[in-house]
Amino acid sequence: MSMEVLSIGDLARATGTKVETIRFYEKSGLLPAPPRTAANYRAYNAVHLDRLSFIRRARDLGFSMEQVATLLDLADCKDQSCEAVDIVTRAHLLEIDRKLRDLRALRKELAAMIANCDHNTIADCRIIEALAPRK
């Protein structure tokens, strides 16, 4: 695989990204459209590889598409303070903390449902009763 020109398949393999996802990132503006070859194939390069790797890592960490776009814009301004990056990252961390609280509450509720189950028949099941609409 040449690092000067990569096909979309090469880029997909190098980053562990599906071809459809690469096209989606292009359409959404996160990944710049590559030049085309004489045969009208996309011709990606090391810049695309680095940018897609950045996008993948940020998405793996749970950053939203909007946050990734912001981080990419900030990453392009090398001499700027990283305070804005910290703000985006702290906001994401707060959202993760909120989700963790929600998951702990959900876990507690489900554990209580299981604990209240007498393990009799479905007709007497406390879990089914708890899930059913209230009349």
Protein backbone atom coordinates (compact mmCIF):
# COMPACT_ATOMS: atom_id res chain seq x y z
CA MET A 1 0.00 0.00 0.00
CA SER A 2 1.56 3.28 -1.08
CA MET A 3 1.30 6.17 1.36
CA GLU A 4 1.18 8.71 -1.46
CA VAL A 5 -2.10 7.59 -3.00
CA LEU A 6 -4.64 5.39 -1.25
CA SER A 7 -7.83 3.97 -2.68
CA ILE A 8 -10.91 4.13 -0.51
CA GLY A 9 -10.45 0.42 0.20
CA ASP A 10 -6.84 1.01 1.29
CA LEU A 11 -7.96 3.86 3.55
CA ALA A 12 -10.74 1.70 4.99
CA ARG A 13 -8.32 -1.14 5.78
CA ALA A 14 -5.67 1.18 7.23
CA THR A 15 -8.13 2.76 9.67
CA GLY A 16 -10.58 -0.07 10.30
CA THR A 17 -13.38 2.06 8.86
CA LYS A 18 -16.13 0.88 6.53
CA VAL A 19 -16.14 2.40 3.05
CA GLU A 20 -19.70 3.66 3.61
CA THR A 21 -18.55 5.44 6.78
CA ILE A 22 -15.70 7.14 4.92
CA ARG A 23 -18.18 8.40 2.34
CA PHE A 24 -20.47 9.58 5.15
CA TYR A 25 -17.61 11.52 6.76
CA GLU A 26 -16.88 13.11 3.39
CA LYS A 27 -20.53 14.10 2.88
CA SER A 28 -20.73 15.50 6.41
CA GLY A 29 -17.60 17.59 5.85
CA LEU A 30 -15.42 15.92 8.48
CA LEU A 31 -13.17 14.42 5.82
CA PRO A 32 -12.26 16.56 2.82
CA ALA A 33 -13.19 15.14 -0.55
CA PRO A 34 -10.08 13.70 -2.19
CA PRO A 35 -8.98 14.50 -5.69
CA ARG A 36 -10.02 12.06 -8.39
CA THR A 37 -7.80 9.98 -10.61
CA ALA A 38 -8.10 10.06 -14.40
CA ALA A 39 -10.36 7.00 -14.01
CA ASN A 40 -12.51 9.01 -11.55
CA TYR A 41 -11.44 7.02 -8.47
CA ARG A 42 -10.91 8.79 -5.16
CA ALA A 43 -7.19 9.32 -4.48
CA TYR A 44 -6.61 9.65 -0.73
CA ASN A 45 -3.30 10.63 0.84
CA ALA A 46 -1.55 10.76 4.21
CA VAL A 47 -3.56 13.85 5.22
CA HIS A 48 -6.80 11.90 4.75
CA LEU A 49 -5.34 8.94 6.65
CA ASP A 50 -4.32 11.12 9.60
CA ARG A 51 -7.62 12.98 9.66
CA LEU A 52 -9.70 9.80 9.44
CA SER A 53 -7.61 8.22 12.21
CA PHE A 54 -8.32 11.30 14.36
CA ILE A 55 -12.04 11.06 13.61
CA ARG A 56 -12.11 7.34 14.41
CA ARG A 57 -10.30 7.81 17.73
CA ALA A 58 -12.58 10.69 18.75
CA ARG A 59 -15.69 8.70 17.82
CA ASP A 60 -14.34 5.67 19.73
CA LEU A 61 -14.12 7.95 22.77
CA GLY A 62 -17.77 8.85 22.28
CA PHE A 63 -17.44 12.41 20.98
CA SER A 64 -20.43 13.49 18.90
CA MET A 65 -20.07 14.38 15.24
CA GLU A 66 -20.44 18.06 16.16
CA GLN A 67 -17.73 17.75 18.82
CA VAL A 68 -15.44 15.95 16.37
CA ALA A 69 -15.94 18.74 13.83
CA THR A 70 -15.06 21.31 16.50
CA LEU A 71 -11.99 19.36 17.58
CA LEU A 72 -10.84 19.01 13.97
CA ASP A 73 -11.22 22.76 13.43
CA LEU A 74 -9.24 23.40 16.61
CA ALA A 75 -6.58 20.86 15.66
CA ASP A 76 -6.00 22.79 12.43
CA CYS A 77 -4.99 25.88 14.48
CA LYS A 78 -1.69 24.66 15.93
CA ASP A 79 -0.63 27.96 17.55
CA GLN A 80 -3.95 28.55 19.35
CA SER A 81 -4.50 27.89 23.07
CA CYS A 82 -5.95 24.47 23.79
CA GLU A 83 -8.51 25.95 26.21
CA ALA A 84 -11.31 25.40 23.69
CA VAL A 85 -10.29 21.74 23.36
CA ASP A 86 -10.48 21.43 27.14
CA ILE A 87 -13.97 22.95 27.14
CA VAL A 88 -15.25 20.47 24.54
CA THR A 89 -13.63 17.56 26.35
CA ARG A 90 -14.93 18.61 29.77
CA ALA A 91 -18.46 18.93 28.37
CA HIS A 92 -18.16 15.42 26.95
CA LEU A 93 -16.90 14.11 30.29
CA LEU A 94 -19.89 15.69 32.07
CA GLU A 95 -22.22 13.95 29.61
CA ILE A 96 -20.50 10.62 30.27
CA ASP A 97 -20.87 11.17 34.02
CA ARG A 98 -24.61 11.89 33.53
CA LYS A 99 -25.02 8.72 31.48
CA LEU A 100 -23.20 6.71 34.15
CA ARG A 101 -25.56 8.06 36.82
CA ASP A 102 -28.53 7.15 34.62
CA LEU A 103 -27.14 3.65 34.06
CA ARG A 104 -26.56 3.13 37.79
CA ALA A 105 -30.16 4.16 38.49
CA LEU A 106 -31.38 1.84 35.74
CA ARG A 107 -29.29 -1.01 37.12
CA LYS A 108 -30.69 -0.44 40.61
CA GLU A 109 -34.26 -0.49 39.29
CA LEU A 110 -33.72 -3.70 37.30
CA ALA A 111 -31.99 -5.39 40.25
CA ALA A 112 -34.99 -4.49 42.43
CA MET A 113 -37.35 -6.01 39.86
CA ILE A 114 -35.37 -9.24 39.88
CA ALA A 115 -35.19 -9.30 43.67
CA ASN A 116 -38.98 -8.90 43.90
CA CYS A 117 -39.63 -11.80 41.55
CA ASP A 118 -41.00 -14.91 43.29
CA HIS A 119 -39.99 -17.12 40.34
CA ASN A 120 -43.49 -18.51 40.01
CA THR A 121 -45.53 -18.44 36.81
CA ILE A 122 -45.58 -15.66 34.25
CA ALA A 123 -49.08 -14.77 35.46
CA ASP A 124 -47.54 -13.88 38.85
CA CYS A 125 -44.27 -12.44 37.53
CA ARG A 126 -43.35 -9.16 39.23
CA ILE A 127 -41.08 -8.15 36.34
CA ILE A 128 -43.84 -8.52 33.76
CA GLU A 129 -46.16 -6.68 36.13
CA ALA A 130 -43.68 -3.81 36.51
CA LEU A 131 -43.29 -3.51 32.71
CA ALA A 132 -47.01 -3.66 31.91
CA PRO A 133 -48.96 -0.45 31.44
CA ARG A 134 -50.68 0.75 34.59
CA LYS A 135 -54.47 0.54 34.46
